[in-house]
C-alpha atoms as a PDB file:
ATOM      1  CA  MET A   1      -0.037  -0.209  -0.441  1.00  0.00           C
ATOM      2  CA  LYS A   2       1.318   3.417  -1.077  1.00  0.00           C
ATOM      3  CA  PRO A   3       2.306   5.687   2.147  1.00  0.00           C
ATOM      4  CA  LYS A   4      -0.090   8.648   2.376  1.00  0.00           C
ATOM      5  CA  GLN A   5       0.707  12.159   1.485  1.00  0.00           C
ATOM      6  CA  SER A   6      -0.300  15.190   2.225  1.00  0.00           C
ATOM      7  CA  TYR A   7      -2.789  17.710  -0.055  1.00  0.00           C
ATOM      8  CA  SER A   8       0.494  20.419  -0.773  1.00  0.00           C
ATOM      9  CA  ALA A   9       3.174  17.239  -1.615  1.00  0.00           C
ATOM     10  CA  TYR A  10       0.099  15.862  -3.978  1.00  0.00           C
ATOM     11  CA  VAL A  11       0.638  18.678  -5.632  1.00  0.00           C
ATOM     12  CA  LYS A  12       4.451  19.537  -5.505  1.00  0.00           C
ATOM     13  CA  ALA A  13       4.999  15.652  -7.250  1.00  0.00           C
ATOM     14  CA  SER A  14       1.974  16.552  -9.681  1.00  0.00           C
ATOM     15  CA  GLU A  15       3.344  19.904 -11.304  1.00  0.00           C
ATOM     16  CA  GLY A  16       3.993  19.522 -14.327  1.00  0.00           C
ATOM     17  CA  SER A  17       2.955  16.371 -15.113  1.00  0.00           C
ATOM     18  CA  GLY A  18      -0.748  17.283 -15.754  1.00  0.00           C
ATOM     19  CA  GLY A  19      -1.192  15.961 -12.146  1.00  0.00           C
ATOM     20  CA  ALA A  20      -3.809  18.074  -8.990  1.00  0.00           C
ATOM     21  CA  GLN A  21      -3.603  21.705  -9.316  1.00  0.00           C
ATOM     22  CA  ARG A  22      -4.569  23.610  -6.152  1.00  0.00           C
ATOM     23  CA  SER A  23      -6.537  26.268  -6.882  1.00  0.00           C
ATOM     24  CA  ASN A  24      -7.736  29.390  -4.711  1.00  0.00           C
ATOM     25  CA  ARG A  25     -11.283  29.669  -6.166  1.00  0.00           C
ATOM     26  CA  CYS A  26     -13.218  27.186  -5.977  1.00  0.00           C
ATOM     27  CA  VAL A  27     -15.673  25.181  -9.403  1.00  0.00           C
ATOM     28  CA  ILE A  28     -18.097  22.788  -8.396  1.00  0.00           C
ATOM     29  CA  THR A  29     -19.614  20.719 -11.391  1.00  0.00           C
ATOM     30  CA  ALA A  30     -21.473  18.153 -11.087  1.00  0.00           C
ATOM     31  CA  GLN A  31     -18.320  15.461 -11.393  1.00  0.00           C
ATOM     32  CA  THR A  32     -17.636  16.809  -7.763  1.00  0.00           C
ATOM     33  CA  ARG A  33     -20.818  17.090  -6.714  1.00  0.00           C
ATOM     34  CA  VAL A  34     -21.196  13.115  -7.623  1.00  0.00           C
ATOM     35  CA  LEU A  35     -18.366  12.561  -5.771  1.00  0.00           C
ATOM     36  CA  LYS A  36     -18.863  13.938  -2.610  1.00  0.00           C
ATOM     37  CA  ASP A  37     -22.352  12.430  -3.298  1.00  0.00           C
ATOM     38  CA  LEU A  38     -20.875   8.833  -3.167  1.00  0.00           C
ATOM     39  CA  ARG A  39     -18.465   9.094  -0.629  1.00  0.00           C
ATOM     40  CA  VAL A  40     -21.442  10.331   2.136  1.00  0.00           C
ATOM     41  CA  LYS A  41     -23.796   7.543   0.469  1.00  0.00           C
ATOM     42  CA  ASN A  42     -21.438   5.320   1.856  1.00  0.00           C
ATOM     43  CA  GLY A  43     -20.869   6.336   5.294  1.00  0.00           C
ATOM     44  CA  HIS A  44     -16.872   7.459   4.748  1.00  0.00           C
ATOM     45  CA  SER A  45     -15.553  10.571   5.857  1.00  0.00           C
ATOM     46  CA  MET A  46     -13.246  12.526   4.617  1.00  0.00           C
ATOM     47  CA  LYS A  47     -10.304  10.795   6.378  1.00  0.00           C
ATOM     48  CA  ALA A  48     -11.685   7.612   5.945  1.00  0.00           C
ATOM     49  CA  LEU A  49     -11.640   7.887   2.451  1.00  0.00           C
ATOM     50  CA  GLY A  50      -8.351   9.230   2.121  1.00  0.00           C
ATOM     51  CA  LYS A  51      -6.762   6.504   4.062  1.00  0.00           C
ATOM     52  CA  LYS A  52      -8.522   4.026   1.638  1.00  0.00           C
ATOM     53  CA  ILE A  53      -7.358   5.657  -1.980  1.00  0.00           C
ATOM     54  CA  GLY A  54      -3.889   7.675  -0.420  1.00  0.00           C
ATOM     55  CA  CYS A  55      -3.943  10.459  -0.216  1.00  0.00           C
ATOM     56  CA  SER A  56      -5.482  13.407   3.082  1.00  0.00           C
ATOM     57  CA  ASP A  57      -8.683  14.633   3.612  1.00  0.00           C
ATOM     58  CA  SER A  58      -7.667  17.965   2.817  1.00  0.00           C
ATOM     59  CA  PHE A  59      -7.478  16.549  -1.015  1.00  0.00           C
ATOM     60  CA  ILE A  60     -10.341  15.629  -0.686  1.00  0.00           C
ATOM     61  CA  SER A  61     -11.711  18.382   0.568  1.00  0.00           C
ATOM     62  CA  HIS A  62      -9.979  20.513  -2.197  1.00  0.00           C
ATOM     63  CA  LEU A  63     -11.339  18.087  -4.995  1.00  0.00           C
ATOM     64  CA  GLU A  64     -15.300  17.870  -3.323  1.00  0.00           C
ATOM     65  CA  ASN A  65     -14.720  21.903  -3.335  1.00  0.00           C
ATOM     66  CA  GLY A  66     -13.220  22.406  -6.467  1.00  0.00           C
ATOM     67  CA  ARG A  67      -9.787  23.364  -5.361  1.00  0.00           C
ATOM     68  CA  ALA A  68      -8.360  21.253  -6.977  1.00  0.00           C
ATOM     69  CA  ASP A  69      -7.958  19.546  -9.966  1.00  0.00           C
ATOM     70  CA  LEU A  70      -8.885  15.718 -10.465  1.00  0.00           C
ATOM     71  CA  PRO A  71      -6.662  13.394 -11.116  1.00  0.00           C
ATOM     72  CA  ASN A  72      -7.901  10.244 -13.774  1.00  0.00           C
ATOM     73  CA  ALA A  73      -5.616   7.742 -11.274  1.00  0.00           C
ATOM     74  CA  THR A  74      -7.576   9.148  -8.592  1.00  0.00           C
ATOM     75  CA  LEU A  75     -10.967   8.895 -10.623  1.00  0.00           C
ATOM     76  CA  LEU A  76     -10.259   5.381 -10.714  1.00  0.00           C
ATOM     77  CA  LYS A  77      -9.209   4.638  -7.139  1.00  0.00           C
ATOM     78  CA  LEU A  78     -12.414   6.596  -5.902  1.00  0.00           C
ATOM     79  CA  LEU A  79     -14.407   4.434  -8.549  1.00  0.00           C
ATOM     80  CA  GLU A  80     -12.803   0.757  -7.684  1.00  0.00           C
ATOM     81  CA  VAL A  81     -13.543   2.292  -3.912  1.00  0.00           C
ATOM     82  CA  TYR A  82     -18.147   2.285  -4.538  1.00  0.00           C
ATOM     83  CA  LYS A  83     -17.371  -0.418  -6.075  1.00  0.00           C
ATOM     84  CA  ILE A  84     -18.489   1.788 -10.237  1.00  0.00           C
ATOM     85  CA  GLY A  85     -18.059   2.176 -13.246  1.00  0.00           C
ATOM     86  CA  LEU A  86     -16.774   5.222 -15.187  1.00  0.00           C
ATOM     87  CA  LYS A  87     -19.479   4.450 -17.401  1.00  0.00           C
ATOM     88  CA  TYR A  88     -22.219   4.744 -14.661  1.00  0.00           C
ATOM     89  CA  PHE A  89     -19.786   7.842 -12.940  1.00  0.00           C
ATOM     90  CA  ASN A  90     -20.675   9.158 -15.840  1.00  0.00           C
ATOM     91  CA  GLU A  91     -24.249   8.879 -16.076  1.00  0.00           C
ATOM     92  CA  LEU A  92     -24.388  10.263 -12.578  1.00  0.00           C
ATOM     93  CA  VAL A  93     -22.128  13.723 -13.715  1.00  0.00           C
ATOM     94  CA  ARG A  94     -25.216  12.804 -16.701  1.00  0.00           C
ATOM     95  CA  GLU A  95     -28.106  13.495 -14.334  1.00  0.00           C
ATOM     96  CA  LYS A  96     -26.189  15.802 -12.187  1.00  0.00           C
ATOM     97  CA  GLU A  97     -26.442  18.162 -14.425  1.00  0.00           C
ATOM     98  CA  GLN A  98     -30.148  17.567 -15.483  1.00  0.00           C
ATOM     99  CA  ASP A  99     -31.525  17.993 -12.505  1.00  0.00           C
ATOM    100  CA  PRO A 100     -29.594  20.998 -10.761  1.00  0.00           C
ATOM    101  CA  ASP A 101     -30.641  20.757  -6.290  1.00  0.00           C
ATOM    102  CA  ASP A 102     -31.791  24.169  -5.019  1.00  0.00           C
ATOM    103  CA  LEU A 103     -28.201  24.874  -3.729  1.00  0.00           C
ATOM    104  CA  ASP A 104     -27.408  24.362  -7.544  1.00  0.00           C
ATOM    105  CA  VAL A 105     -30.041  26.643  -8.038  1.00  0.00           C
ATOM    106  CA  VAL A 106     -29.229  29.695  -5.832  1.00  0.00           C
ATOM    107  CA  LEU A 107     -25.465  29.672  -6.543  1.00  0.00           C
ATOM    108  CA  SER A 108     -26.651  30.425 -10.064  1.00  0.00           C
ATOM    109  CA  LEU A 109     -29.062  33.404  -9.301  1.00  0.00           C
ATOM    110  CA  THR A 110     -26.546  35.151  -7.050  1.00  0.00           C
ATOM    111  CA  LYS A 111     -24.373  34.869  -9.865  1.00  0.00           C
ATOM    112  CA  LYS A 112     -26.896  37.461 -11.868  1.00  0.00           C
ATOM    113  CA  LEU A 113     -26.991  39.456  -8.431  1.00  0.00           C
ATOM    114  CA  GLY A 114     -25.718  43.389  -8.190  1.00  0.00           C
ATOM    115  CA  PRO A 115     -23.605  43.813  -5.096  1.00  0.00           C
ATOM    116  CA  LYS A 116     -25.991  45.532  -3.372  1.00  0.00           C
ATOM    117  CA  GLN A 117     -28.753  42.547  -3.410  1.00  0.00           C
ATOM    118  CA  LEU A 118     -26.186  40.563  -2.889  1.00  0.00           C
ATOM    119  CA  SER A 119     -25.602  41.800   0.579  1.00  0.00           C
ATOM    120  CA  TYR A 120     -29.194  41.483   1.161  1.00  0.00           C
ATOM    121  CA  VAL A 121     -29.602  37.708  -0.092  1.00  0.00           C
ATOM    122  CA  ARG A 122     -26.259  37.405   3.083  1.00  0.00           C
ATOM    123  CA  GLN A 123     -28.661  39.387   5.142  1.00  0.00           C
ATOM    124  CA  VAL A 124     -31.221  37.256   5.143  1.00  0.00           C
ATOM    125  CA  ILE A 125     -29.510  33.642   5.197  1.00  0.00           C
ATOM    126  CA  GLU A 126     -27.426  35.073   8.203  1.00  0.00           C
ATOM    127  CA  GLU A 127     -31.146  35.959   9.835  1.00  0.00           C
ATOM    128  CA  VAL A 128     -32.615  32.467   8.509  1.00  0.00           C
ATOM    129  CA  LEU A 129     -29.380  30.698  10.117  1.00  0.00           C
ATOM    130  CA  LYS A 130     -29.932  32.695  13.596  1.00  0.00           C
ATOM    131  CA  GLY A 131     -33.844  30.402  13.894  1.00  0.00           C
ATOM    132  CA  PRO A 132     -36.529  31.938  15.796  1.00  0.00           C
END
């Protein structure tokens, strides 16, 4: 079994090789949402999943939050853990693209708002989170 590798070591080793690249921007795609759904449905914590595929929990987090590219080798390891094939995974991704959840819709709508409108939406969300 391969030793566990930290995310920064993984990125350093991958630089220039087309491997994982970390970014400060988050690009949550249908693919990243499917990966998170699979992890949660299979009852894995990020730490447990990272251990199974030989990477850190922070790398799993970066993958799911769209802050790291998903190397093909890592995808294949994940599919092996979940016991699903690439074809089925791609079907799940297509379904997710065609049927956005509430979070996707809200994120899409907020991109169309101006600064004042965004500020108002933030205030509303913060009030809702405070509870009664």
